[in-house]
Amino acid sequence: MEKIIFKTADEVLQYAIEREEEARDFYLEWAEKVMRPEIGDVLKEFAAEEAKHKELLENVRRGNDFAHAGSSVIDLKLGDYHRETDIHHELNYQQALQLAIKREMVAQQLYLFLASISENGKHRELFDGLYKEESKHKERLELMYDDDFMREN
C-alpha cells in the first residue's frame, strides 16, 4: 500500500480541503449521470454540503491557529483510497456508490484524527461535526446502495 505522509497539520488540512473539493465534483458529476431525479437531488445536496466543509476547513487553515498535539510525521494510511480517486470516470453507478461510501469512510477517519489532535476546543468541535456529517452521508449512501442493489426482487 502506498503511504501518504504529512509533515505538518497544515498539510493534513490541505489534503482534507482537496478531498472535499473532489467529493463535491464527484457528487455533481454523478447527480447528472443517474437516471432517478431523487437520487440526483440527494447527490446535489451532498455536493453543497461538501462545498461548505471545504469553506470551513479553509477558514481554519487561513486562521493559522490550528494548534495540535502529536508527532511531526503523520501517516493516515490512505494510500489505497488515493489511487482509486483517479478512475471514477470509468465507473458504473453501483461502483460509483461503492467508491462514494469508501470516500465517506476515509473522510470520517480524517476528521476523527483531526479532532483527536486538535488542542483548540472550537476546532475539535468543528472536526467532530464534520465527522458526524460524513457519517450521515455514508449512511445515506449505504441505504441507496441497499435499495438499488441488495434488495431481493
Foldseek 3Di string as FASTA:
>chain_A
DDWDKAQAVLVLLVVLLVLLQLLLVLLQVVLVVDDDVVSSVVSNVSSVVSVVLSVVSVVVSVVPPFAWDDHRMDTLPCVVLVVVSVPLVVDDPLVSLVNLLVSLVSLLSSLVVSLVTGPDPVSVVSSVVSNVVSVVVNVVSVVVNCVVPVDDD
